[in-house]
C-alpha atoms as a PDB file:
ATOM      1  CA  UNK A   1     -89.777  10.801  46.455  1.00  0.00           C
ATOM      2  CA  UNK A   2     -86.612   8.748  46.399  1.00  0.00           C
ATOM      3  CA  UNK A   3     -84.674   8.855  43.079  1.00  0.00           C
ATOM      4  CA  UNK A   4     -84.799   5.050  42.722  1.00  0.00           C
ATOM      5  CA  UNK A   5     -88.581   4.842  43.309  1.00  0.00           C
ATOM      6  CA  UNK A   6     -89.040   7.713  40.764  1.00  0.00           C
ATOM      7  CA  UNK A   7     -87.090   5.853  38.147  1.00  0.00           C
ATOM      8  CA  UNK A   8     -88.886   2.497  38.832  1.00  0.00           C
ATOM      9  CA  UNK A   9     -92.226   4.124  38.695  1.00  0.00           C
ATOM     10  CA  UNK A  10     -91.413   6.056  35.616  1.00  0.00           C
ATOM     11  CA  UNK A  11     -90.172   2.877  33.865  1.00  0.00           C
ATOM     12  CA  UNK A  12     -93.388   1.303  34.732  1.00  0.00           C
ATOM     13  CA  UNK A  13     -95.275   4.182  33.154  1.00  0.00           C
ATOM     14  CA  UNK A  14     -93.241   3.848  29.923  1.00  0.00           C
ATOM     15  CA  UNK A  15     -93.916   0.266  29.675  1.00  0.00           C
ATOM     16  CA  UNK A  16     -97.589   0.611  30.453  1.00  0.00           C
ATOM     17  CA  UNK A  17     -98.548   3.732  28.385  1.00  0.00           C
ATOM     18  CA  UNK A  18     -96.152   3.823  25.472  1.00  0.00           C
ATOM     19  CA  UNK A  19     -98.421   1.854  23.079  1.00  0.00           C
ATOM     20  CA  UNK A  20    -101.522   3.922  23.889  1.00  0.00           C
ATOM     21  CA  UNK A  21     -99.593   7.184  23.581  1.00  0.00           C
ATOM     22  CA  UNK A  22     -98.116   6.050  20.293  1.00  0.00           C
ATOM     23  CA  UNK A  23    -101.510   5.088  18.925  1.00  0.00           C
ATOM     24  CA  UNK A  24    -102.974   8.463  19.863  1.00  0.00           C
ATOM     25  CA  UNK A  25    -100.038  10.347  18.334  1.00  0.00           C
ATOM     26  CA  UNK A  26    -100.093   8.229  15.154  1.00  0.00           C
ATOM     27  CA  UNK A  27    -103.846   8.841  14.841  1.00  0.00           C
ATOM     28  CA  UNK A  28    -103.314  12.550  15.115  1.00  0.00           C
ATOM     29  CA  UNK A  29    -100.309  12.809  12.826  1.00  0.00           C
ATOM     30  CA  UNK A  30    -100.545   9.688  10.436  1.00  0.00           C
ATOM     31  CA  UNK A  31     -96.690   9.600  10.410  1.00  0.00           C
ATOM     32  CA  UNK A  32     -94.939   6.815  12.337  1.00  0.00           C
ATOM     33  CA  UNK A  33     -91.660   8.680  12.829  1.00  0.00           C
ATOM     34  CA  UNK A  34     -93.402  11.871  14.022  1.00  0.00           C
ATOM     35  CA  UNK A  35     -95.582   9.914  16.445  1.00  0.00           C
ATOM     36  CA  UNK A  36     -92.548   8.041  17.848  1.00  0.00           C
ATOM     37  CA  UNK A  37     -90.832  11.398  18.382  1.00  0.00           C
ATOM     38  CA  UNK A  38     -93.732  12.967  20.039  1.00  0.00           C
ATOM     39  CA  UNK A  39     -94.092  10.077  22.486  1.00  0.00           C
ATOM     40  CA  UNK A  40     -90.412  10.283  23.275  1.00  0.00           C
ATOM     41  CA  UNK A  41     -90.712  14.040  23.849  1.00  0.00           C
ATOM     42  CA  UNK A  42     -93.649  13.388  26.006  1.00  0.00           C
ATOM     43  CA  UNK A  43     -91.896  11.012  28.338  1.00  0.00           C
ATOM     44  CA  UNK A  44     -88.856  13.270  28.427  1.00  0.00           C
ATOM     45  CA  UNK A  45     -91.004  16.250  29.411  1.00  0.00           C
ATOM     46  CA  UNK A  46     -92.918  14.145  31.945  1.00  0.00           C
ATOM     47  CA  UNK A  47     -89.772  12.880  33.537  1.00  0.00           C
ATOM     48  CA  UNK A  48     -88.342  16.374  33.839  1.00  0.00           C
ATOM     49  CA  UNK A  49     -91.688  17.439  35.459  1.00  0.00           C
ATOM     50  CA  UNK A  50     -92.198  14.307  37.403  1.00  0.00           C
ATOM     51  CA  UNK A  51     -91.974  16.222  40.763  1.00  0.00           C
ATOM     52  CA  UNK A  52     -94.948  18.312  39.620  1.00  0.00           C
ATOM     53  CA  UNK A  53     -97.179  15.332  39.231  1.00  0.00           C
ATOM     54  CA  UNK A  54     -99.347  15.477  42.285  1.00  0.00           C
ATOM     55  CA  UNK A  55    -101.655  12.529  41.433  1.00  0.00           C
ATOM     56  CA  UNK A  56    -104.799  14.596  40.999  1.00  0.00           C
ATOM     57  CA  UNK A  57    -105.304  12.746  37.817  1.00  0.00           C
ATOM     58  CA  UNK A  58    -104.283   9.269  36.604  1.00  0.00           C
ATOM     59  CA  UNK A  59    -100.772   8.996  35.161  1.00  0.00           C
ATOM     60  CA  UNK A  60    -102.229   8.158  31.735  1.00  0.00           C
ATOM     61  CA  UNK A  61    -104.322  11.366  31.767  1.00  0.00           C
ATOM     62  CA  UNK A  62    -101.362  13.450  32.711  1.00  0.00           C
ATOM     63  CA  UNK A  63     -99.242  11.874  29.970  1.00  0.00           C
ATOM     64  CA  UNK A  64    -101.951  12.323  27.364  1.00  0.00           C
ATOM     65  CA  UNK A  65    -102.275  16.069  28.276  1.00  0.00           C
ATOM     66  CA  UNK A  66     -98.479  16.416  27.747  1.00  0.00           C
ATOM     67  CA  UNK A  67     -98.661  14.563  24.463  1.00  0.00           C
ATOM     68  CA  UNK A  68    -101.680  16.699  23.304  1.00  0.00           C
ATOM     69  CA  UNK A  69     -99.526  19.773  23.924  1.00  0.00           C
ATOM     70  CA  UNK A  70     -96.660  18.211  21.958  1.00  0.00           C
ATOM     71  CA  UNK A  71     -99.022  17.490  19.032  1.00  0.00           C
ATOM     72  CA  UNK A  72    -100.338  21.091  19.081  1.00  0.00           C
ATOM     73  CA  UNK A  73     -96.804  22.402  19.148  1.00  0.00           C
ATOM     74  CA  UNK A  74     -95.856  20.104  16.190  1.00  0.00           C
ATOM     75  CA  UNK A  75     -98.706  21.383  14.074  1.00  0.00           C
ATOM     76  CA  UNK A  76     -98.017  25.090  15.068  1.00  0.00           C
ATOM     77  CA  UNK A  77     -94.394  24.555  14.112  1.00  0.00           C
ATOM     78  CA  UNK A  78     -95.456  22.879  10.843  1.00  0.00           C
ATOM     79  CA  UNK A  79     -97.734  25.726   9.976  1.00  0.00           C
ATOM     80  CA  UNK A  80     -95.049  28.263  10.722  1.00  0.00           C
ATOM     81  CA  UNK A  81     -92.472  26.367   8.747  1.00  0.00           C
ATOM     82  CA  UNK A  82     -94.880  26.167   5.860  1.00  0.00           C
ATOM     83  CA  UNK A  83     -95.415  29.935   5.957  1.00  0.00           C
ATOM     84  CA  UNK A  84     -91.725  30.628   6.153  1.00  0.00           C
ATOM     85  CA  UNK A  85     -91.042  28.104   3.355  1.00  0.00           C
ATOM     86  CA  UNK A  86     -93.730  29.744   1.179  1.00  0.00           C
ATOM     87  CA  UNK A  87     -92.243  33.161   1.744  1.00  0.00           C
ATOM     88  CA  UNK A  88     -88.817  31.830   0.867  1.00  0.00           C
ATOM     89  CA  UNK A  89     -90.056  30.137  -2.388  1.00  0.00           C
ATOM     90  CA  UNK A  90     -91.914  33.268  -3.302  1.00  0.00           C
ATOM     91  CA  UNK A  91     -88.773  35.271  -2.808  1.00  0.00           C
ATOM     92  CA  UNK A  92     -86.740  32.836  -4.897  1.00  0.00           C
ATOM     93  CA  UNK A  93     -89.362  32.921  -7.617  1.00  0.00           C
ATOM     94  CA  UNK A  94     -89.448  36.738  -7.655  1.00  0.00           C
ATOM     95  CA  UNK A  95     -85.679  36.966  -7.984  1.00  0.00           C
ATOM     96  CA  UNK A  96     -84.755  33.913 -10.095  1.00  0.00           C
ATOM     97  CA  UNK A  97     -86.627  34.812 -13.316  1.00  0.00           C
ATOM     98  CA  UNK A  98     -84.712  37.821 -14.514  1.00  0.00           C
ATOM     99  CA  UNK A  99     -85.011  36.564 -18.182  1.00  0.00           C
ATOM    100  CA  UNK A 100     -87.636  38.743 -19.814  1.00  0.00           C
ATOM    101  CA  UNK A 101     -88.926  35.747 -21.847  1.00  0.00           C
ATOM    102  CA  UNK A 102     -90.586  34.419 -18.699  1.00  0.00           C
ATOM    103  CA  UNK A 103     -93.698  36.418 -17.680  1.00  0.00           C
ATOM    104  CA  UNK A 104     -96.182  35.422 -15.144  1.00  0.00           C
ATOM    105  CA  UNK A 105     -99.860  35.062 -16.268  1.00  0.00           C
ATOM    106  CA  UNK A 106    -102.558  37.632 -15.269  1.00  0.00           C
ATOM    107  CA  UNK A 107    -103.840  35.258 -12.616  1.00  0.00           C
ATOM    108  CA  UNK A 108    -100.341  34.937 -11.004  1.00  0.00           C
ATOM    109  CA  UNK A 109    -100.192  38.657 -10.775  1.00  0.00           C
ATOM    110  CA  UNK A 110    -103.619  38.856  -9.246  1.00  0.00           C
ATOM    111  CA  UNK A 111    -102.925  36.032  -6.866  1.00  0.00           C
ATOM    112  CA  UNK A 112     -99.743  37.816  -5.574  1.00  0.00           C
ATOM    113  CA  UNK A 113    -101.625  41.065  -5.350  1.00  0.00           C
ATOM    114  CA  UNK A 114    -103.567  39.913  -2.334  1.00  0.00           C
ATOM    115  CA  UNK A 115    -104.329  43.620  -1.149  1.00  0.00           C
ATOM    116  CA  UNK A 116    -107.233  43.848  -3.575  1.00  0.00           C
ATOM    117  CA  UNK A 117    -108.147  40.309  -4.508  1.00  0.00           C
ATOM    118  CA  UNK A 118    -111.212  40.424  -2.230  1.00  0.00           C
ATOM    119  CA  UNK A 119    -112.542  43.324  -4.356  1.00  0.00           C
ATOM    120  CA  UNK A 120    -112.726  41.079  -7.351  1.00  0.00           C
ATOM    121  CA  UNK A 121    -116.314  39.747  -7.655  1.00  0.00           C
ATOM    122  CA  UNK A 122    -115.105  36.780  -9.801  1.00  0.00           C
ATOM    123  CA  UNK A 123    -112.627  35.740  -7.122  1.00  0.00           C
ATOM    124  CA  UNK A 124    -115.237  36.010  -4.395  1.00  0.00           C
ATOM    125  CA  UNK A 125    -117.544  33.658  -6.172  1.00  0.00           C
ATOM    126  CA  UNK A 126    -114.794  31.207  -6.618  1.00  0.00           C
ATOM    127  CA  UNK A 127    -113.851  31.512  -2.851  1.00  0.00           C
ATOM    128  CA  UNK A 128    -117.475  31.001  -1.889  1.00  0.00           C
ATOM    129  CA  UNK A 129    -117.636  27.885  -4.125  1.00  0.00           C
ATOM    130  CA  UNK A 130    -114.387  26.488  -2.595  1.00  0.00           C
ATOM    131  CA  UNK A 131    -115.577  27.351   0.924  1.00  0.00           C
ATOM    132  CA  UNK A 132    -118.930  25.539   0.270  1.00  0.00           C
ATOM    133  CA  UNK A 133    -116.922  22.460  -0.819  1.00  0.00           C
ATOM    134  CA  UNK A 134    -115.607  22.023   2.749  1.00  0.00           C
ATOM    135  CA  UNK A 135    -117.479  20.049   5.262  1.00  0.00           C
ATOM    136  CA  UNK A 136    -119.747  22.173   7.553  1.00  0.00           C
ATOM    137  CA  UNK A 137    -117.457  21.984  10.547  1.00  0.00           C
ATOM    138  CA  UNK A 138    -114.333  22.910   8.510  1.00  0.00           C
ATOM    139  CA  UNK A 139    -116.294  25.792   6.836  1.00  0.00           C
ATOM    140  CA  UNK A 140    -117.403  27.139  10.203  1.00  0.00           C
ATOM    141  CA  UNK A 141    -113.844  27.006  11.542  1.00  0.00           C
ATOM    142  CA  UNK A 142    -112.371  28.787   8.605  1.00  0.00           C
ATOM    143  CA  UNK A 143    -115.182  31.431   8.629  1.00  0.00           C
ATOM    144  CA  UNK A 144    -114.881  31.983  12.328  1.00  0.00           C
ATOM    145  CA  UNK A 145    -111.063  32.236  12.184  1.00  0.00           C
ATOM    146  CA  UNK A 146    -110.711  34.457   9.134  1.00  0.00           C
ATOM    147  CA  UNK A 147    -113.920  36.436   8.644  1.00  0.00           C
ATOM    148  CA  UNK A 148    -115.275  36.732  12.283  1.00  0.00           C
ATOM    149  CA  UNK A 149    -111.678  36.880  13.614  1.00  0.00           C
ATOM    150  CA  UNK A 150    -112.404  34.648  16.523  1.00  0.00           C
ATOM    151  CA  UNK A 151    -109.493  33.242  18.583  1.00  0.00           C
ATOM    152  CA  UNK A 152    -108.617  29.527  18.456  1.00  0.00           C
ATOM    153  CA  UNK A 153    -109.737  29.196  22.032  1.00  0.00           C
ATOM    154  CA  UNK A 154    -113.205  30.687  21.232  1.00  0.00           C
ATOM    155  CA  UNK A 155    -113.621  28.484  18.258  1.00  0.00           C
ATOM    156  CA  UNK A 156    -112.554  25.301  20.116  1.00  0.00           C
ATOM    157  CA  UNK A 157    -115.074  26.264  23.033  1.00  0.00           C
ATOM    158  CA  UNK A 158    -117.864  26.986  20.513  1.00  0.00           C
ATOM    159  CA  UNK A 159    -117.406  23.662  18.657  1.00  0.00           C
ATOM    160  CA  UNK A 160    -116.354  21.602  21.663  1.00  0.00           C
ATOM    161  CA  UNK A 161    -113.214  20.415  19.925  1.00  0.00           C
ATOM    162  CA  UNK A 162    -109.580  20.051  21.153  1.00  0.00           C
ATOM    163  CA  UNK A 163    -106.948  22.552  20.246  1.00  0.00           C
ATOM    164  CA  UNK A 164    -105.018  19.833  18.193  1.00  0.00           C
ATOM    165  CA  UNK A 165    -108.159  19.025  16.264  1.00  0.00           C
ATOM    166  CA  UNK A 166    -108.606  22.794  15.503  1.00  0.00           C
ATOM    167  CA  UNK A 167    -105.098  23.279  14.241  1.00  0.00           C
ATOM    168  CA  UNK A 168    -105.376  20.018  12.161  1.00  0.00           C
ATOM    169  CA  UNK A 169    -108.723  21.084  10.619  1.00  0.00           C
ATOM    170  CA  UNK A 170    -107.380  24.612   9.937  1.00  0.00           C
ATOM    171  CA  UNK A 171    -104.221  23.414   8.229  1.00  0.00           C
ATOM    172  CA  UNK A 172    -105.995  20.825   6.101  1.00  0.00           C
ATOM    173  CA  UNK A 173    -108.800  23.185   5.133  1.00  0.00           C
ATOM    174  CA  UNK A 174    -106.292  25.943   4.096  1.00  0.00           C
ATOM    175  CA  UNK A 175    -104.517  23.353   1.872  1.00  0.00           C
ATOM    176  CA  UNK A 176    -107.912  22.291   0.294  1.00  0.00           C
ATOM    177  CA  UNK A 177    -108.983  25.855  -0.226  1.00  0.00           C
ATOM    178  CA  UNK A 178    -105.702  26.926  -1.808  1.00  0.00           C
ATOM    179  CA  UNK A 179    -105.819  23.955  -4.203  1.00  0.00           C
ATOM    180  CA  UNK A 180    -109.460  24.595  -5.022  1.00  0.00           C
ATOM    181  CA  UNK A 181    -108.800  28.318  -5.645  1.00  0.00           C
ATOM    182  CA  UNK A 182    -105.789  27.678  -7.761  1.00  0.00           C
ATOM    183  CA  UNK A 183    -107.625  25.150  -9.881  1.00  0.00           C
ATOM    184  CA  UNK A 184    -110.549  27.468 -10.467  1.00  0.00           C
ATOM    185  CA  UNK A 185    -108.792  30.801 -10.529  1.00  0.00           C
END
């Protein structure tokens, strides 16, 4: 395809699909700036891969699949950053309180000693209570992921949900569980 035609067609796609892509990204992230960035990244990726578009699907479908992958990557990165930040904060906390006047509580010791926490019947009751406070779908996802050790793909297939929906639910459920456990424990 001639370069001028490629640019013209692509400009038309940007004008035609930007609003719908933004609406979808905003719906999935609830953050305007993130949604705008994801749409921009989608168009950039689509432009780079334009030669690969064979027309087997509608342009909107192709762009939405690229956007969905960008959304999944966004949540994966966010989860990974959260884990890294948590480890860094934990390291800072462990090394910043050298003053012997500060002593963590028993629960803080137990919480950090996660090798044996599942042996504690009191903790298991609280965990079960917190799991039961989740919606049925969220509880199924968390149970399948962490107790049954199913892969994300298996869970998505079993529940007929998208990968981005899976990552969103997993992330939110973990936050809710952590808050619940910290309040009750």
